[in-house]
Amino acid sequence: MKLSLMSVFVPTFLFVSLTPGMCMTLSMVLGMTQGVRRTLWMMAGELVGVGLVAAAAGAGVATLMLRQPELFALFKWVGGAYLAYLGVMMWRSRGRMAIPLERMELAPASRGQLALQGFVTAVANPKGWAFFVALLPPFLDPAQPLSGQLAMLIAVILSIEFACLLLYAAGGRGLRRLLGESDNVRLLNRLAGSLMLGVGVWLAFG
């Protein structure tokens, strides 16, 4: 890929990734309640999903997927309902996603749960598919092998996405520290739960 094209692609995708969206909000919420280290498992699932969507878009599969709204509807409703359920539980300071009101330690969310949340949120977002369908073709040269170009673009995409996810998770951790100093754990749970519920509704109806 030409350096001039990459110099346009990188800032474009960086701007898009930094814009608050479902995945970034999810990262911030889990940064609050699970900590940055455990949120890395959600990020791993999300990055796999983003990479899959980007690869499908580059290969033309996304065009077919966008013509199957019932498939997206299934992903959106199931994924959205699950995230909304977690949000309600967090708002009530219950479940493994919430911060315990007492000082005793409760079992945190499993790695698999966190990774699945990230993957579903990335794959079930039709706006993500549409975005990659629109973004990637101008940066692909039909005269060059597709696999090498896609690999390079996806590597850049995942690097930028990971950095932005870390930034949002760190912001959530900072907010937890700020509110935790006043022992406002219930308030923090309700804030995180409201954001998680919002992500679920966004995913289902967006």
N, C-alpha and C. Protein backbone atom coordinates (compact mmCIF):
# COMPACT_ATOMS: atom_id res chain seq x y z
N MET A 1 0.84 -1.20 0.00
CA MET A 1 0.00 0.00 0.00
C MET A 1 0.87 1.24 0.00
N LYS A 2 0.44 2.25 -0.74
CA LYS A 2 1.22 3.48 -0.82
C LYS A 2 1.18 4.22 0.52
N LEU A 3 2.31 4.86 0.82
CA LEU A 3 2.42 5.60 2.07
C LEU A 3 1.41 6.74 2.13
N SER A 4 1.13 7.36 0.98
CA SER A 4 0.18 8.48 0.94
C SER A 4 -1.23 8.03 1.34
N LEU A 5 -1.61 6.83 0.90
CA LEU A 5 -2.92 6.31 1.27
C LEU A 5 -2.98 5.99 2.76
N MET A 6 -1.91 5.41 3.28
CA MET A 6 -1.87 5.08 4.70
C MET A 6 -1.91 6.33 5.57
N SER A 7 -1.31 7.41 5.08
CA SER A 7 -1.32 8.66 5.85
C SER A 7 -2.72 9.26 5.94
N VAL A 8 -3.60 8.86 5.04
CA VAL A 8 -5.00 9.29 5.10
C VAL A 8 -5.82 8.29 5.93
N PHE A 9 -5.54 7.01 5.75
CA PHE A 9 -6.32 5.97 6.42
C PHE A 9 -6.16 6.02 7.94
N VAL A 10 -4.93 6.19 8.42
CA VAL A 10 -4.66 6.15 9.87
C VAL A 10 -5.43 7.24 10.62
N PRO A 11 -5.31 8.52 10.24
CA PRO A 11 -6.07 9.53 10.99
C PRO A 11 -7.58 9.38 10.85
N THR A 12 -8.03 8.88 9.70
CA THR A 12 -9.47 8.68 9.51
C THR A 12 -10.00 7.65 10.50
N PHE A 13 -9.34 6.51 10.57
CA PHE A 13 -9.82 5.47 11.48
C PHE A 13 -9.59 5.84 12.93
N LEU A 14 -8.51 6.57 13.21
CA LEU A 14 -8.26 7.01 14.58
C LEU A 14 -9.39 7.91 15.07
N PHE A 15 -9.83 8.81 14.23
CA PHE A 15 -10.93 9.70 14.60
C PHE A 15 -12.20 8.91 14.87
N VAL A 16 -12.47 7.92 14.00
CA VAL A 16 -13.68 7.11 14.17
C VAL A 16 -13.61 6.29 15.45
N SER A 17 -12.46 5.71 15.73
CA SER A 17 -12.31 4.87 16.93
C SER A 17 -12.43 5.69 18.21
N LEU A 18 -11.92 6.90 18.21
CA LEU A 18 -11.97 7.74 19.41
C LEU A 18 -13.38 8.26 19.70
N THR A 19 -14.23 8.27 18.67
CA THR A 19 -15.59 8.74 18.87
C THR A 19 -16.34 7.75 19.75
N PRO A 20 -17.03 8.22 20.79
CA PRO A 20 -17.75 7.30 21.69
C PRO A 20 -18.75 6.45 20.92
N GLY A 21 -18.69 5.16 21.13
CA GLY A 21 -19.60 4.22 20.50
C GLY A 21 -19.89 3.08 21.45
N MET A 22 -20.53 2.04 20.94
CA MET A 22 -20.91 0.93 21.80
C MET A 22 -19.70 0.24 22.43
N CYS A 23 -18.70 -0.07 21.62
CA CYS A 23 -17.54 -0.80 22.13
C CYS A 23 -16.72 0.04 23.10
N MET A 24 -16.57 1.33 22.81
CA MET A 24 -15.80 2.19 23.70
C MET A 24 -16.54 2.41 25.02
N THR A 25 -17.86 2.53 24.96
CA THR A 25 -18.65 2.68 26.18
C THR A 25 -18.55 1.41 27.02
N LEU A 26 -18.63 0.26 26.37
CA LEU A 26 -18.49 -1.01 27.07
C LEU A 26 -17.14 -1.12 27.74
N SER A 27 -16.09 -0.68 27.07
CA SER A 27 -14.76 -0.72 27.64
C SER A 27 -14.67 0.18 28.87
N MET A 28 -15.29 1.35 28.82
CA MET A 28 -15.26 2.25 29.96
C MET A 28 -16.03 1.67 31.14
N VAL A 29 -17.18 1.06 30.86
CA VAL A 29 -17.98 0.46 31.93
C VAL A 29 -17.20 -0.65 32.63
N LEU A 30 -16.60 -1.52 31.84
CA LEU A 30 -15.85 -2.63 32.44
C LEU A 30 -14.58 -2.14 33.11
N GLY A 31 -14.01 -1.05 32.61
CA GLY A 31 -12.87 -0.46 33.31
C GLY A 31 -13.27 -0.01 34.70
N MET A 32 -14.51 0.48 34.85
CA MET A 32 -15.02 0.89 36.16
C MET A 32 -15.18 -0.31 37.09
N THR A 33 -15.86 -1.34 36.58
CA THR A 33 -16.31 -2.42 37.45
C THR A 33 -15.35 -3.61 37.53
N GLN A 34 -14.61 -3.86 36.45
CA GLN A 34 -13.74 -5.04 36.42
C GLN A 34 -12.25 -4.69 36.49
N GLY A 35 -11.92 -3.43 36.19
CA GLY A 35 -10.52 -3.05 36.14
C GLY A 35 -9.97 -3.22 34.74
N VAL A 36 -8.91 -2.50 34.45
CA VAL A 36 -8.35 -2.51 33.09
C VAL A 36 -7.82 -3.89 32.72
N ARG A 37 -7.18 -4.57 33.66
CA ARG A 37 -6.56 -5.86 33.35
C ARG A 37 -7.60 -6.88 32.90
N ARG A 38 -8.71 -6.98 33.63
CA ARG A 38 -9.73 -7.96 33.25
C ARG A 38 -10.49 -7.50 32.00
N THR A 39 -10.57 -6.20 31.78
CA THR A 39 -11.24 -5.69 30.59
C THR A 39 -10.48 -6.08 29.32
N LEU A 40 -9.22 -6.44 29.46
CA LEU A 40 -8.45 -6.89 28.30
C LEU A 40 -9.10 -8.10 27.64
N TRP A 41 -9.81 -8.92 28.42
CA TRP A 41 -10.49 -10.09 27.83
C TRP A 41 -11.64 -9.65 26.95
N MET A 42 -12.37 -8.63 27.37
CA MET A 42 -13.41 -8.08 26.50
C MET A 42 -12.79 -7.51 25.24
N MET A 43 -11.68 -6.81 25.40
CA MET A 43 -11.01 -6.22 24.26
C MET A 43 -10.58 -7.29 23.26
N ALA A 44 -10.11 -8.43 23.78
CA ALA A 44 -9.68 -9.51 22.89
C ALA A 44 -10.85 -10.00 22.04
N GLY A 45 -12.01 -10.19 22.67
CA GLY A 45 -13.19 -10.60 21.91
C GLY A 45 -13.63 -9.55 20.92
N GLU A 46 -13.58 -8.29 21.33
CA GLU A 46 -13.98 -7.19 20.46
C GLU A 46 -13.06 -7.08 19.26
N LEU A 47 -11.77 -7.24 19.48
CA LEU A 47 -10.81 -7.13 18.38
C LEU A 47 -10.97 -8.28 17.39
N VAL A 48 -11.27 -9.47 17.89
CA VAL A 48 -11.54 -10.59 16.98
C VAL A 48 -12.76 -10.27 16.12
N GLY A 49 -13.80 -9.72 16.76
CA GLY A 49 -15.00 -9.36 16.02
C GLY A 49 -14.74 -8.27 14.99
N VAL A 50 -14.01 -7.24 15.37
CA VAL A 50 -13.70 -6.15 14.44
C VAL A 50 -12.85 -6.67 13.28
N GLY A 51 -11.87 -7.51 13.59
CA GLY A 51 -11.04 -8.08 12.54
C GLY A 51 -11.85 -8.92 11.56
N LEU A 52 -12.80 -9.69 12.11
CA LEU A 52 -13.67 -10.51 11.26
C LEU A 52 -14.54 -9.65 10.35
N VAL A 53 -15.12 -8.59 10.91
CA VAL A 53 -15.97 -7.70 10.12
C VAL A 53 -15.15 -6.99 9.04
N ALA A 54 -13.96 -6.52 9.41
CA ALA A 54 -13.11 -5.84 8.43
C ALA A 54 -12.69 -6.77 7.30
N ALA A 55 -12.33 -8.01 7.65
CA ALA A 55 -11.92 -8.97 6.63
C ALA A 55 -13.09 -9.30 5.70
N ALA A 56 -14.27 -9.47 6.29
CA ALA A 56 -15.45 -9.77 5.47
C ALA A 56 -15.79 -8.61 4.56
N ALA A 57 -15.67 -7.39 5.09
CA ALA A 57 -15.95 -6.21 4.28
C ALA A 57 -14.98 -6.11 3.11
N GLY A 58 -13.70 -6.35 3.38
CA GLY A 58 -12.71 -6.27 2.32
C GLY A 58 -12.89 -7.34 1.27
N ALA A 59 -13.41 -8.49 1.68
CA ALA A 59 -13.60 -9.59 0.75
C ALA A 59 -14.94 -9.53 0.04
N GLY A 60 -15.77 -8.55 0.40
CA GLY A 60 -17.06 -8.40 -0.24
C GLY A 60 -18.18 -9.17 0.43
N VAL A 61 -17.87 -9.94 1.47
CA VAL A 61 -18.89 -10.72 2.15
C VAL A 61 -19.88 -9.82 2.88
N ALA A 62 -19.40 -8.67 3.35
CA ALA A 62 -20.26 -7.77 4.13
C ALA A 62 -21.45 -7.28 3.32
N THR A 63 -21.27 -7.13 2.01
CA THR A 63 -22.38 -6.69 1.17
C THR A 63 -23.53 -7.69 1.25
N LEU A 64 -23.18 -8.98 1.23
CA LEU A 64 -24.20 -10.01 1.37
C LEU A 64 -24.82 -9.99 2.76
N MET A 65 -24.00 -9.80 3.78
CA MET A 65 -24.50 -9.77 5.15
C MET A 65 -25.49 -8.64 5.36
N LEU A 66 -25.20 -7.48 4.76
CA LEU A 66 -26.08 -6.33 4.93
C LEU A 66 -27.42 -6.53 4.23
N ARG A 67 -27.47 -7.50 3.33
CA ARG A 67 -28.74 -7.81 2.66
C ARG A 67 -29.55 -8.85 3.42
N GLN A 68 -29.05 -9.27 4.57
CA GLN A 68 -29.75 -10.25 5.41
C GLN A 68 -30.11 -9.60 6.75
N PRO A 69 -31.08 -8.68 6.75
CA PRO A 69 -31.40 -7.96 7.98
C PRO A 69 -31.88 -8.86 9.11
N GLU A 70 -32.48 -10.01 8.77
CA GLU A 70 -32.96 -10.91 9.82
C GLU A 70 -31.79 -11.50 10.62
N LEU A 71 -30.63 -11.67 9.97
CA LEU A 71 -29.46 -12.18 10.67
C LEU A 71 -28.96 -11.15 11.67
N PHE A 72 -28.91 -9.90 11.25
CA PHE A 72 -28.50 -8.84 12.16
C PHE A 72 -29.52 -8.66 13.28
N ALA A 73 -30.80 -8.79 12.94
CA ALA A 73 -31.84 -8.62 13.95
C ALA A 73 -31.66 -9.64 15.07
N LEU A 74 -31.32 -10.87 14.72
CA LEU A 74 -31.11 -11.91 15.73
C LEU A 74 -29.94 -11.55 16.63
N PHE A 75 -28.80 -11.19 16.02
CA PHE A 75 -27.62 -10.80 16.80
C PHE A 75 -27.93 -9.60 17.68
N LYS A 76 -28.59 -8.61 17.10
CA LYS A 76 -28.84 -7.36 17.82
C LYS A 76 -29.74 -7.58 19.03
N TRP A 77 -30.83 -8.32 18.83
CA TRP A 77 -31.78 -8.48 19.92
C TRP A 77 -31.23 -9.35 21.04
N VAL A 78 -30.58 -10.45 20.67
CA VAL A 78 -30.01 -11.33 21.69
C VAL A 78 -28.88 -10.62 22.44
N GLY A 79 -27.97 -10.01 21.68
CA GLY A 79 -26.85 -9.30 22.30
C GLY A 79 -27.31 -8.11 23.11
N GLY A 80 -28.27 -7.34 22.57
CA GLY A 80 -28.77 -6.17 23.27
C GLY A 80 -29.50 -6.54 24.55
N ALA A 81 -30.31 -7.61 24.49
CA ALA A 81 -31.04 -8.04 25.68
C ALA A 81 -30.09 -8.50 26.78
N TYR A 82 -29.02 -9.20 26.37
CA TYR A 82 -28.05 -9.67 27.36
C TYR A 82 -27.33 -8.50 28.04
N LEU A 83 -26.89 -7.54 27.25
CA LEU A 83 -26.20 -6.39 27.81
C LEU A 83 -27.14 -5.54 28.67
N ALA A 84 -28.40 -5.43 28.25
CA ALA A 84 -29.37 -4.67 29.05
C ALA A 84 -29.62 -5.37 30.38
N TYR A 85 -29.69 -6.70 30.36
CA TYR A 85 -29.86 -7.47 31.60
C TYR A 85 -28.70 -7.22 32.55
N LEU A 86 -27.49 -7.25 32.00
CA LEU A 86 -26.31 -6.98 32.83
C LEU A 86 -26.36 -5.57 33.40
N GLY A 87 -26.84 -4.62 32.59
CA GLY A 87 -26.95 -3.24 33.06
C GLY A 87 -27.91 -3.11 34.23
N VAL A 88 -29.05 -3.79 34.14
CA VAL A 88 -30.03 -3.75 35.24
C VAL A 88 -29.43 -4.36 36.50
N MET A 89 -28.74 -5.48 36.35
CA MET A 89 -28.11 -6.13 37.51
C MET A 89 -27.06 -5.23 38.14
N MET A 90 -26.27 -4.56 37.32
CA MET A 90 -25.25 -3.65 37.83
C MET A 90 -25.90 -2.46 38.54
N TRP A 91 -26.98 -1.95 37.96
CA TRP A 91 -27.68 -0.81 38.56
C TRP A 91 -28.18 -1.17 39.95
N ARG A 92 -28.54 -2.45 40.12
CA ARG A 92 -29.04 -2.94 41.42
C ARG A 92 -27.90 -3.45 42.31
N SER A 93 -26.65 -3.26 41.84
CA SER A 93 -25.46 -3.71 42.59
C SER A 93 -25.48 -5.21 42.81
N ARG A 94 -25.92 -5.95 41.80
CA ARG A 94 -25.96 -7.40 41.86
C ARG A 94 -25.20 -7.98 40.68
N GLY A 95 -24.86 -9.25 40.81
CA GLY A 95 -24.18 -9.94 39.72
C GLY A 95 -22.68 -9.73 39.74
N ARG A 96 -22.01 -10.47 38.91
CA ARG A 96 -20.55 -10.46 38.90
C ARG A 96 -19.95 -9.22 38.24
N MET A 97 -20.76 -8.49 37.50
CA MET A 97 -20.26 -7.29 36.85
C MET A 97 -20.22 -6.09 37.80
N ALA A 98 -21.02 -6.15 38.85
CA ALA A 98 -21.13 -5.01 39.77
C ALA A 98 -19.99 -5.01 40.78
N ILE A 99 -19.71 -3.84 41.32
CA ILE A 99 -18.74 -3.71 42.40
C ILE A 99 -19.45 -4.05 43.70
N PRO A 100 -18.91 -4.96 44.53
CA PRO A 100 -19.59 -5.33 45.78
C PRO A 100 -19.79 -4.12 46.69
N LEU A 101 -20.97 -4.02 47.28
CA LEU A 101 -21.23 -2.93 48.22
C LEU A 101 -20.44 -3.12 49.50
N GLU A 102 -20.29 -4.39 49.90
CA GLU A 102 -19.47 -4.68 51.06
C GLU A 102 -18.02 -4.85 50.62
N ARG A 103 -17.15 -4.94 51.56
CA ARG A 103 -15.73 -5.03 51.25
C ARG A 103 -15.29 -6.44 50.86
N MET A 104 -16.18 -7.42 51.06
CA MET A 104 -15.78 -8.78 50.69
C MET A 104 -15.69 -8.90 49.17
N GLU A 105 -14.81 -9.76 48.74
CA GLU A 105 -14.58 -9.93 47.32
C GLU A 105 -15.55 -10.98 46.76
N LEU A 106 -16.20 -10.66 45.66
CA LEU A 106 -17.04 -11.60 44.95
C LEU A 106 -16.34 -12.06 43.69
N ALA A 107 -16.74 -13.23 43.22
CA ALA A 107 -16.12 -13.76 42.00
C ALA A 107 -16.42 -12.83 40.84
N PRO A 108 -15.40 -12.34 40.13
CA PRO A 108 -15.64 -11.44 38.99
C PRO A 108 -16.19 -12.19 37.80
N ALA A 109 -16.57 -11.46 36.78
CA ALA A 109 -17.04 -12.08 35.55
C ALA A 109 -15.93 -12.93 34.96
N SER A 110 -16.33 -14.04 34.34
CA SER A 110 -15.33 -14.94 33.78
C SER A 110 -14.69 -14.33 32.53
N ARG A 111 -13.54 -14.84 32.17
CA ARG A 111 -12.86 -14.37 30.97
C ARG A 111 -13.70 -14.62 29.72
N GLY A 112 -14.35 -15.79 29.70
CA GLY A 112 -15.19 -16.12 28.56
C GLY A 112 -16.36 -15.17 28.41
N GLN A 113 -16.99 -14.80 29.54
CA GLN A 113 -18.11 -13.86 29.51
C GLN A 113 -17.66 -12.52 28.94
N LEU A 114 -16.53 -12.06 29.41
CA LEU A 114 -16.02 -10.76 28.97
C LEU A 114 -15.68 -10.78 27.48
N ALA A 115 -15.01 -11.85 27.04
CA ALA A 115 -14.64 -11.95 25.63
C ALA A 115 -15.88 -12.04 24.75
N LEU A 116 -16.89 -12.78 25.20
CA LEU A 116 -18.11 -12.93 24.42
C LEU A 116 -18.84 -11.60 24.28
N GLN A 117 -18.86 -10.81 25.35
CA GLN A 117 -19.49 -9.49 25.28
C GLN A 117 -18.84 -8.63 24.22
N GLY A 118 -17.51 -8.61 24.20
CA GLY A 118 -16.80 -7.81 23.22
C GLY A 118 -17.05 -8.29 21.80
N PHE A 119 -17.04 -9.61 21.60
CA PHE A 119 -17.22 -10.18 20.27
C PHE A 119 -18.61 -9.88 19.73
N VAL A 120 -19.63 -10.15 20.55
CA VAL A 120 -21.02 -9.93 20.11
C VAL A 120 -21.27 -8.46 19.81
N THR A 121 -20.75 -7.58 20.66
CA THR A 121 -20.97 -6.15 20.46
C THR A 121 -20.35 -5.69 19.14
N ALA A 122 -19.20 -6.22 18.79
CA ALA A 122 -18.54 -5.83 17.54
C ALA A 122 -19.23 -6.41 16.31
N VAL A 123 -19.57 -7.70 16.37
CA VAL A 123 -20.12 -8.38 15.19
C VAL A 123 -21.58 -8.02 14.95
N ALA A 124 -22.32 -7.72 16.02
CA ALA A 124 -23.76 -7.47 15.88
C ALA A 124 -24.08 -6.02 15.56
N ASN A 125 -23.08 -5.21 15.32
CA ASN A 125 -23.30 -3.80 15.02
C ASN A 125 -23.34 -3.57 13.51
N PRO A 126 -24.51 -3.41 12.92
CA PRO A 126 -24.58 -3.23 11.45
C PRO A 126 -23.90 -1.96 10.98
N LYS A 127 -23.82 -0.96 11.86
CA LYS A 127 -23.13 0.26 11.47
C LYS A 127 -21.64 0.00 11.26
N GLY A 128 -21.09 -0.93 12.02
CA GLY A 128 -19.69 -1.30 11.84
C GLY A 128 -19.46 -1.95 10.48
N TRP A 129 -20.38 -2.85 10.10
CA TRP A 129 -20.27 -3.48 8.79
C TRP A 129 -20.36 -2.44 7.68
N ALA A 130 -21.37 -1.58 7.79
CA ALA A 130 -21.56 -0.56 6.76
C ALA A 130 -20.36 0.38 6.67
N PHE A 131 -19.77 0.70 7.85
CA PHE A 131 -18.62 1.59 7.87
C PHE A 131 -17.44 0.97 7.12
N PHE A 132 -17.17 -0.29 7.38
CA PHE A 132 -16.03 -0.92 6.71
C PHE A 132 -16.28 -1.12 5.22
N VAL A 133 -17.54 -1.36 4.86
CA VAL A 133 -17.86 -1.47 3.43
C VAL A 133 -17.55 -0.17 2.71
N ALA A 134 -17.83 0.95 3.40
CA ALA A 134 -17.58 2.26 2.79
C ALA A 134 -16.12 2.68 2.89
N LEU A 135 -15.45 2.28 3.98
CA LEU A 135 -14.09 2.78 4.23
C LEU A 135 -13.01 2.03 3.46
N LEU A 136 -13.10 0.71 3.44
CA LEU A 136 -11.97 -0.07 2.94
C LEU A 136 -11.76 -0.03 1.42
N PRO A 137 -12.79 -0.12 0.58
CA PRO A 137 -12.55 -0.20 -0.87
C PRO A 137 -11.65 0.90 -1.44
N PRO A 138 -11.78 2.18 -1.04
CA PRO A 138 -10.91 3.19 -1.62
C PRO A 138 -9.42 2.97 -1.33
N PHE A 139 -9.12 2.18 -0.31
CA PHE A 139 -7.73 1.96 0.07
C PHE A 139 -7.18 0.63 -0.45
N LEU A 140 -7.98 -0.08 -1.24
CA LEU A 140 -7.55 -1.36 -1.80
C LEU A 140 -7.27 -1.19 -3.29
N ASP A 141 -6.10 -1.63 -3.70
CA ASP A 141 -5.69 -1.54 -5.10
C ASP A 141 -6.03 -2.86 -5.79
N PRO A 142 -6.96 -2.87 -6.76
CA PRO A 142 -7.35 -4.12 -7.43
C PRO A 142 -6.21 -4.75 -8.21
N ALA A 143 -5.18 -3.99 -8.50
CA ALA A 143 -4.05 -4.53 -9.26
C ALA A 143 -3.08 -5.29 -8.38
N GLN A 144 -3.24 -5.18 -7.05
CA GLN A 144 -2.35 -5.85 -6.11
C GLN A 144 -3.09 -6.98 -5.41
N PRO A 145 -2.35 -7.98 -4.89
CA PRO A 145 -2.98 -9.08 -4.16
C PRO A 145 -3.82 -8.56 -2.99
N LEU A 146 -5.05 -9.05 -2.88
CA LEU A 146 -5.97 -8.55 -1.86
C LEU A 146 -5.54 -8.95 -0.45
N SER A 147 -5.05 -10.17 -0.28
CA SER A 147 -4.75 -10.68 1.06
C SER A 147 -3.71 -9.83 1.79
N GLY A 148 -2.65 -9.45 1.08
CA GLY A 148 -1.60 -8.66 1.71
C GLY A 148 -2.08 -7.28 2.12
N GLN A 149 -2.87 -6.66 1.25
CA GLN A 149 -3.40 -5.33 1.56
C GLN A 149 -4.36 -5.38 2.74
N LEU A 150 -5.23 -6.38 2.76
CA LEU A 150 -6.18 -6.53 3.86
C LEU A 150 -5.47 -6.78 5.18
N ALA A 151 -4.44 -7.62 5.13
CA ALA A 151 -3.69 -7.93 6.34
C ALA A 151 -3.07 -6.66 6.94
N MET A 152 -2.51 -5.82 6.08
CA MET A 152 -1.89 -4.58 6.56
C MET A 152 -2.93 -3.63 7.15
N LEU A 153 -4.05 -3.46 6.44
CA LEU A 153 -5.09 -2.56 6.92
C LEU A 153 -5.69 -3.04 8.23
N ILE A 154 -5.96 -4.35 8.33
CA ILE A 154 -6.55 -4.89 9.54
C ILE A 154 -5.59 -4.77 10.71
N ALA A 155 -4.30 -4.94 10.47
CA ALA A 155 -3.31 -4.77 11.53
C ALA A 155 -3.34 -3.34 12.06
N VAL A 156 -3.44 -2.38 11.16
CA VAL A 156 -3.53 -0.97 11.58
C VAL A 156 -4.83 -0.72 12.33
N ILE A 157 -5.93 -1.25 11.81
CA ILE A 157 -7.24 -1.08 12.45
C ILE A 157 -7.23 -1.61 13.87
N LEU A 158 -6.72 -2.82 14.05
CA LEU A 158 -6.74 -3.46 15.37
C LEU A 158 -5.80 -2.74 16.35
N SER A 159 -4.69 -2.24 15.85
CA SER A 159 -3.76 -1.49 16.71
C SER A 159 -4.41 -0.22 17.23
N ILE A 160 -5.06 0.52 16.35
CA ILE A 160 -5.73 1.76 16.74
C ILE A 160 -6.90 1.46 17.67
N GLU A 161 -7.67 0.44 17.33
CA GLU A 161 -8.83 0.08 18.15
C GLU A 161 -8.41 -0.32 19.55
N PHE A 162 -7.35 -1.09 19.67
CA PHE A 162 -6.86 -1.53 20.97
C PHE A 162 -6.41 -0.35 21.82
N ALA A 163 -5.70 0.58 21.21
CA ALA A 163 -5.24 1.77 21.93
C ALA A 163 -6.42 2.59 22.45
N CYS A 164 -7.46 2.73 21.64
CA CYS A 164 -8.63 3.50 22.05
C CYS A 164 -9.41 2.78 23.15
N LEU A 165 -9.52 1.47 23.04
CA LEU A 165 -10.19 0.70 24.08
C LEU A 165 -9.46 0.84 25.42
N LEU A 166 -8.15 0.79 25.38
CA LEU A 166 -7.36 0.98 26.60
C LEU A 166 -7.59 2.36 27.20
N LEU A 167 -7.67 3.35 26.35
CA LEU A 167 -7.88 4.73 26.81
C LEU A 167 -9.22 4.85 27.53
N TYR A 168 -10.26 4.27 26.97
CA TYR A 168 -11.58 4.34 27.59
C TYR A 168 -11.62 3.52 28.88
N ALA A 169 -10.99 2.35 28.89
CA ALA A 169 -10.97 1.53 30.11
C ALA A 169 -10.23 2.25 31.23
N ALA A 170 -9.13 2.92 30.89
CA ALA A 170 -8.38 3.68 31.89
C ALA A 170 -9.23 4.84 32.43
N GLY A 171 -10.04 5.45 31.56
CA GLY A 171 -10.94 6.50 32.01
C GLY A 171 -11.97 5.98 32.99
N GLY A 172 -12.48 4.77 32.73
CA GLY A 172 -13.42 4.16 33.66
C GLY A 172 -12.78 3.85 35.00
N ARG A 173 -11.55 3.37 34.96
CA ARG A 173 -10.83 3.09 36.21
C ARG A 173 -10.61 4.38 37.00
N GLY A 174 -10.28 5.46 36.30
CA GLY A 174 -10.08 6.74 36.98
C GLY A 174 -11.36 7.24 37.63
N LEU A 175 -12.49 7.03 36.94
CA LEU A 175 -13.78 7.44 37.51
C LEU A 175 -14.10 6.61 38.74
N ARG A 176 -13.76 5.33 38.70
CA ARG A 176 -13.99 4.48 39.88
C ARG A 176 -13.18 4.99 41.07
N ARG A 177 -11.95 5.36 40.83
CA ARG A 177 -11.12 5.88 41.92
C ARG A 177 -11.69 7.17 42.48
N LEU A 178 -12.18 8.03 41.59
CA LEU A 178 -12.73 9.31 42.02
C LEU A 178 -13.95 9.12 42.90
N LEU A 179 -14.87 8.27 42.46
CA LEU A 179 -16.07 8.05 43.25
C LEU A 179 -15.81 7.15 44.45
N GLY A 180 -14.86 6.25 44.31
CA GLY A 180 -14.56 5.33 45.39
C GLY A 180 -14.00 6.02 46.61
N GLU A 181 -13.38 7.18 46.41
CA GLU A 181 -12.82 7.90 47.54
C GLU A 181 -13.91 8.35 48.51
N SER A 182 -15.12 8.51 48.00
CA SER A 182 -16.24 8.92 48.85
C SER A 182 -17.15 7.74 49.17
N ASP A 183 -16.68 6.53 48.86
CA ASP A 183 -17.45 5.31 49.11
C ASP A 183 -18.80 5.32 48.39
N ASN A 184 -18.83 5.94 47.23
CA ASN A 184 -20.07 5.99 46.45
C ASN A 184 -20.15 4.79 45.52
N VAL A 185 -20.03 3.60 46.08
CA VAL A 185 -20.01 2.39 45.26
C VAL A 185 -21.36 2.18 44.59
N ARG A 186 -22.44 2.42 45.32
CA ARG A 186 -23.76 2.23 44.74
C ARG A 186 -23.97 3.20 43.56
N LEU A 187 -23.52 4.43 43.72
CA LEU A 187 -23.63 5.41 42.65
C LEU A 187 -22.83 4.96 41.43
N LEU A 188 -21.63 4.43 41.66
CA LEU A 188 -20.79 3.96 40.56
C LEU A 188 -21.45 2.79 39.84
N ASN A 189 -22.03 1.86 40.62
CA ASN A 189 -22.73 0.74 40.01
C ASN A 189 -23.90 1.22 39.15
N ARG A 190 -24.62 2.23 39.65
CA ARG A 190 -25.77 2.74 38.90
C ARG A 190 -25.33 3.48 37.64
N LEU A 191 -24.23 4.19 37.73
CA LEU A 191 -23.70 4.87 36.55
C LEU A 191 -23.26 3.86 35.51
N ALA A 192 -22.49 2.86 35.96
CA ALA A 192 -22.02 1.82 35.04
C ALA A 192 -23.18 1.02 34.48
N GLY A 193 -24.16 0.70 35.34
CA GLY A 193 -25.32 -0.05 34.89
C GLY A 193 -26.14 0.72 33.87
N SER A 194 -26.29 2.01 34.08
CA SER A 194 -27.04 2.84 33.14
C SER A 194 -26.35 2.88 31.78
N LEU A 195 -25.02 2.99 31.79
CA LEU A 195 -24.28 3.00 30.54
C LEU A 195 -24.38 1.65 29.84
N MET A 196 -24.28 0.56 30.62
CA MET A 196 -24.39 -0.77 30.03
C MET A 196 -25.79 -0.99 29.46
N LEU A 197 -26.81 -0.54 30.19
CA LEU A 197 -28.17 -0.65 29.69
C LEU A 197 -28.33 0.15 28.40
N GLY A 198 -27.71 1.33 28.37
CA GLY A 198 -27.76 2.15 27.17
C GLY A 198 -27.11 1.46 25.98
N VAL A 199 -25.99 0.78 26.22
CA VAL A 199 -25.32 0.03 25.14
C VAL A 199 -26.23 -1.07 24.63
N GLY A 200 -26.91 -1.77 25.56
CA GLY A 200 -27.81 -2.84 25.15
C GLY A 200 -28.96 -2.32 24.31
N VAL A 201 -29.58 -1.22 24.72
CA VAL A 201 -30.68 -0.63 23.95
C VAL A 201 -30.17 -0.12 22.60
N TRP A 202 -29.00 0.49 22.62
CA TRP A 202 -28.37 0.99 21.39
C TRP A 202 -28.15 -0.15 20.41
N LEU A 203 -27.65 -1.27 20.93
CA LEU A 203 -27.35 -2.41 20.07
C LEU A 203 -28.65 -3.00 19.50
N ALA A 204 -29.69 -3.08 20.32
CA ALA A 204 -30.94 -3.70 19.87
C ALA A 204 -31.71 -2.82 18.89
N PHE A 205 -31.72 -1.51 19.12
CA PHE A 205 -32.56 -0.63 18.32
C PHE A 205 -31.76 0.25 17.34
N GLY A 206 -30.42 0.25 17.46
CA GLY A 206 -29.62 1.12 16.62
C GLY A 206 -29.63 0.70 15.15
